[in-house]
C-alpha atoms as a PDB file:
ATOM      1  CA  MET A   1       0.000   0.000   0.000  1.00  0.00           C
ATOM      2  CA  SER A   2       1.345   3.392  -0.928  1.00  0.00           C
ATOM      3  CA  LEU A   3       1.568   6.151   1.624  1.00  0.00           C
ATOM      4  CA  PHE A   4      -0.715   8.244  -0.576  1.00  0.00           C
ATOM      5  CA  ARG A   5      -3.571   5.764  -0.060  1.00  0.00           C
ATOM      6  CA  VAL A   6      -3.173   6.245   3.676  1.00  0.00           C
ATOM      7  CA  PHE A   7      -4.302   9.854   3.205  1.00  0.00           C
ATOM      8  CA  ASP A   8      -7.450   8.707   1.385  1.00  0.00           C
ATOM      9  CA  ILE A   9      -8.257   6.074   4.001  1.00  0.00           C
ATOM     10  CA  SER A  10      -7.668   8.376   6.966  1.00  0.00           C
ATOM     11  CA  GLY A  11      -9.553  11.174   5.231  1.00  0.00           C
ATOM     12  CA  SER A  12     -12.614   8.986   4.789  1.00  0.00           C
ATOM     13  CA  ALA A  13     -12.334   7.897   8.426  1.00  0.00           C
ATOM     14  CA  LEU A  14     -12.140  11.532   9.549  1.00  0.00           C
ATOM     15  CA  TYR A  15     -15.293  12.305   7.578  1.00  0.00           C
ATOM     16  CA  ALA A  16     -17.078   9.264   9.058  1.00  0.00           C
ATOM     17  CA  GLN A  17     -16.129  10.221  12.618  1.00  0.00           C
ATOM     18  CA  SER A  18     -17.223  13.819  12.071  1.00  0.00           C
ATOM     19  CA  VAL A  19     -20.635  12.538  10.914  1.00  0.00           C
ATOM     20  CA  ARG A  20     -20.744  10.361  14.031  1.00  0.00           C
ATOM     21  CA  LEU A  21     -19.845  13.324  16.276  1.00  0.00           C
ATOM     22  CA  ASN A  22     -22.464  15.565  14.645  1.00  0.00           C
ATOM     23  CA  THR A  23     -25.148  12.894  14.972  1.00  0.00           C
ATOM     24  CA  THR A  24     -24.278  12.335  18.622  1.00  0.00           C
ATOM     25  CA  ALA A  25     -24.340  16.091  19.278  1.00  0.00           C
ATOM     26  CA  SER A  26     -27.780  16.274  17.670  1.00  0.00           C
ATOM     27  CA  ASN A  27     -29.004  13.439  19.876  1.00  0.00           C
ATOM     28  CA  MET A  28     -27.661  15.117  23.002  1.00  0.00           C
ATOM     29  CA  ALA A  29     -29.205  18.464  22.024  1.00  0.00           C
ATOM     30  CA  ASN A  30     -32.632  16.862  21.619  1.00  0.00           C
ATOM     31  CA  ALA A  31     -32.474  14.503  24.613  1.00  0.00           C
ATOM     32  CA  ASP A  32     -34.889  16.596  26.674  1.00  0.00           C
ATOM     33  CA  SER A  33     -37.222  17.806  23.940  1.00  0.00           C
ATOM     34  CA  ALA A  34     -40.772  16.952  24.945  1.00  0.00           C
ATOM     35  CA  SER A  35     -43.568  16.288  22.488  1.00  0.00           C
ATOM     36  CA  SER A  36     -47.324  15.884  22.628  1.00  0.00           C
ATOM     37  CA  SER A  37     -47.532  13.125  19.998  1.00  0.00           C
ATOM     38  CA  ILE A  38     -45.566   9.958  19.361  1.00  0.00           C
ATOM     39  CA  ASN A  39     -45.117  10.794  15.664  1.00  0.00           C
ATOM     40  CA  SER A  40     -43.439  14.146  16.312  1.00  0.00           C
ATOM     41  CA  THR A  41     -41.139  12.965  19.116  1.00  0.00           C
ATOM     42  CA  TYR A  42     -37.427  13.084  18.324  1.00  0.00           C
ATOM     43  CA  ARG A  43     -35.822   9.674  17.863  1.00  0.00           C
ATOM     44  CA  ALA A  44     -32.111   9.017  18.384  1.00  0.00           C
ATOM     45  CA  ARG A  45     -30.135   8.823  15.153  1.00  0.00           C
ATOM     46  CA  HIS A  46     -27.019   6.805  14.399  1.00  0.00           C
ATOM     47  CA  PRO A  47     -24.778   6.704  11.312  1.00  0.00           C
ATOM     48  CA  VAL A  48     -24.247   3.467   9.397  1.00  0.00           C
ATOM     49  CA  PHE A  49     -20.726   2.763   8.153  1.00  0.00           C
ATOM     50  CA  ALA A  50     -19.369   0.230   5.682  1.00  0.00           C
ATOM     51  CA  ALA A  51     -15.889  -0.640   4.488  1.00  0.00           C
ATOM     52  CA  GLN A  52     -14.977   0.947   1.189  1.00  0.00           C
ATOM     53  CA  LEU A  53     -13.305  -1.680  -0.989  1.00  0.00           C
ATOM     54  CA  ALA A  54     -10.808  -1.007  -3.772  1.00  0.00           C
ATOM     55  CA  GLU A  55     -12.031  -2.421  -7.076  1.00  0.00           C
ATOM     56  CA  ALA A  56      -8.708  -3.876  -8.204  1.00  0.00           C
ATOM     57  CA  ASP A  57      -7.741  -6.019  -5.223  1.00  0.00           C
ATOM     58  CA  ASN A  58     -10.894  -6.018  -3.051  1.00  0.00           C
ATOM     59  CA  GLU A  59      -8.803  -4.504  -0.247  1.00  0.00           C
ATOM     60  CA  ALA A  60     -10.242  -2.088   2.301  1.00  0.00           C
ATOM     61  CA  SER A  61      -9.596   1.455   1.172  1.00  0.00           C
ATOM     62  CA  GLY A  62     -11.662   3.609   3.475  1.00  0.00           C
ATOM     63  CA  VAL A  63     -14.994   4.105   5.164  1.00  0.00           C
ATOM     64  CA  ASN A  64     -18.340   4.855   3.530  1.00  0.00           C
ATOM     65  CA  VAL A  65     -21.157   6.548   5.389  1.00  0.00           C
ATOM     66  CA  LEU A  66     -24.190   4.680   4.088  1.00  0.00           C
ATOM     67  CA  GLY A  67     -26.676   6.898   5.877  1.00  0.00           C
ATOM     68  CA  ILE A  68     -28.230   7.788   9.182  1.00  0.00           C
ATOM     69  CA  VAL A  69     -30.934   5.628  10.740  1.00  0.00           C
ATOM     70  CA  GLU A  70     -33.358   6.292  13.571  1.00  0.00           C
ATOM     71  CA  SER A  71     -33.251   4.120  16.656  1.00  0.00           C
ATOM     72  CA  ASN A  72     -36.015   1.550  17.149  1.00  0.00           C
ATOM     73  CA  ALA A  73     -35.775   1.786  20.940  1.00  0.00           C
ATOM     74  CA  PRO A  74     -39.082   2.660  22.591  1.00  0.00           C
ATOM     75  CA  LEU A  75     -39.778   6.280  23.398  1.00  0.00           C
ATOM     76  CA  ARG A  76     -39.923   7.366  27.029  1.00  0.00           C
ATOM     77  CA  GLN A  77     -43.103   8.623  28.599  1.00  0.00           C
ATOM     78  CA  GLU A  78     -42.817  10.818  31.644  1.00  0.00           C
ATOM     79  CA  TYR A  79     -45.630  11.734  33.962  1.00  0.00           C
ATOM     80  CA  ARG A  80     -45.816  15.549  33.993  1.00  0.00           C
ATOM     81  CA  PRO A  81     -49.464  16.527  34.380  1.00  0.00           C
ATOM     82  CA  ASN A  82     -48.687  20.270  34.541  1.00  0.00           C
ATOM     83  CA  HIS A  83     -46.596  20.302  31.345  1.00  0.00           C
ATOM     84  CA  PRO A  84     -48.304  22.121  28.444  1.00  0.00           C
ATOM     85  CA  LEU A  85     -47.603  19.176  26.085  1.00  0.00           C
ATOM     86  CA  ALA A  86     -49.007  16.507  28.428  1.00  0.00           C
ATOM     87  CA  ASN A  87     -51.729  14.256  27.031  1.00  0.00           C
ATOM     88  CA  GLN A  88     -55.094  13.674  28.742  1.00  0.00           C
ATOM     89  CA  ASN A  89     -53.427  11.136  31.098  1.00  0.00           C
ATOM     90  CA  GLY A  90     -50.690  13.606  32.096  1.00  0.00           C
ATOM     91  CA  TYR A  91     -47.845  11.942  30.139  1.00  0.00           C
ATOM     92  CA  VAL A  92     -45.333  13.692  27.907  1.00  0.00           C
ATOM     93  CA  ASN A  93     -43.491  11.836  25.131  1.00  0.00           C
ATOM     94  CA  MET A  94     -39.713  12.064  25.437  1.00  0.00           C
ATOM     95  CA  PRO A  95     -36.964  10.994  23.000  1.00  0.00           C
ATOM     96  CA  ASN A  96     -35.342   7.562  23.196  1.00  0.00           C
ATOM     97  CA  VAL A  97     -31.903   9.125  23.674  1.00  0.00           C
ATOM     98  CA  ASN A  98     -29.727   7.469  26.308  1.00  0.00           C
ATOM     99  CA  GLN A  99     -27.379  10.257  27.374  1.00  0.00           C
ATOM    100  CA  VAL A 100     -24.820   7.894  28.934  1.00  0.00           C
ATOM    101  CA  GLU A 101     -24.529   5.871  25.721  1.00  0.00           C
ATOM    102  CA  GLU A 102     -24.314   9.074  23.693  1.00  0.00           C
ATOM    103  CA  MET A 103     -21.469  10.397  25.837  1.00  0.00           C
ATOM    104  CA  ALA A 104     -19.587   7.112  25.477  1.00  0.00           C
ATOM    105  CA  ASP A 105     -20.166   7.244  21.707  1.00  0.00           C
ATOM    106  CA  MET A 106     -18.946  10.840  21.610  1.00  0.00           C
ATOM    107  CA  ILE A 107     -15.743   9.958  23.484  1.00  0.00           C
ATOM    108  CA  SER A 108     -15.153   6.984  21.175  1.00  0.00           C
ATOM    109  CA  ALA A 109     -15.724   9.070  18.037  1.00  0.00           C
ATOM    110  CA  SER A 110     -13.457  11.825  19.340  1.00  0.00           C
ATOM    111  CA  ARG A 111     -10.644   9.365  20.072  1.00  0.00           C
ATOM    112  CA  SER A 112     -11.043   7.743  16.654  1.00  0.00           C
ATOM    113  CA  TYR A 113     -10.875  11.162  15.047  1.00  0.00           C
ATOM    114  CA  GLN A 114      -7.708  12.003  17.008  1.00  0.00           C
ATOM    115  CA  SER A 115      -6.135   8.662  16.028  1.00  0.00           C
ATOM    116  CA  ASN A 116      -6.759   9.318  12.349  1.00  0.00           C
ATOM    117  CA  VAL A 117      -5.246  12.802  12.632  1.00  0.00           C
ATOM    118  CA  GLU A 118      -2.150  11.159  14.137  1.00  0.00           C
ATOM    119  CA  VAL A 119      -2.038   8.675  11.244  1.00  0.00           C
ATOM    120  CA  LEU A 120      -2.136  11.584   8.783  1.00  0.00           C
ATOM    121  CA  ASN A 121       0.617  13.458  10.635  1.00  0.00           C
ATOM    122  CA  THR A 122       2.829  10.383  10.862  1.00  0.00           C
ATOM    123  CA  SER A 123       2.345   9.595   7.167  1.00  0.00           C
ATOM    124  CA  LYS A 124       3.202  13.176   6.261  1.00  0.00           C
ATOM    125  CA  GLN A 125       6.386  13.011   8.343  1.00  0.00           C
ATOM    126  CA  MET A 126       7.364   9.724   6.690  1.00  0.00           C
ATOM    127  CA  LEU A 127       6.874  11.209   3.238  1.00  0.00           C
ATOM    128  CA  MET A 128       8.872  14.296   4.158  1.00  0.00           C
ATOM    129  CA  ARG A 129      11.728  12.143   5.480  1.00  0.00           C
ATOM    130  CA  THR A 130      11.632  10.027   2.329  1.00  0.00           C
ATOM    131  CA  LEU A 131      11.948  13.168   0.216  1.00  0.00           C
ATOM    132  CA  ALA A 132      14.824  14.369   2.413  1.00  0.00           C
ATOM    133  CA  LEU A 133      16.790  11.174   1.661  1.00  0.00           C
ATOM    134  CA  GLY A 134      17.540  12.507  -1.825  1.00  0.00           C
ATOM    135  CA  ASP A 135      19.273  15.621  -0.491  1.00  0.00           C
END
C-alpha cells in the first residue's frame, strides 16, 4: 500500500467520525425535547458505516457513510401533568436518547478522530523524510 492511499483512508475515516460526532451532538441536544404526539417525538439517530473496498484487489480502502438511521428503541413517557404538552393522562413523550450511551459514543468518536489525525501526521512526516533522503 502506498503512503498516498493512507491519506485517502484516513480522510474517509475523519469524515465518518465527524458525521458520528455531529449525529451524537444532535441526539444530546434533543435529549430533553418533549412532544405531545408519538409521531413528532425526536428519535435518536445513528450513522451506518461500511468498508470501502478497492475495485482492483478487493482490499479495504476507506470508510463509507451509508446513511443515518433512527433508533427503534421505545420512546420514554414521563408523567408531567402540569406540562403544556401533556396528554389527557398527564404523560409527555420524550426521545429515546440514552445520554450515557451518547457520551460514550462521543468519546469513542473523538478518540477515533484524534487517532486518524495522528495517522495523517505520521504519514506526512514519513513522506517528508523520504523526500529528504535525496538531499
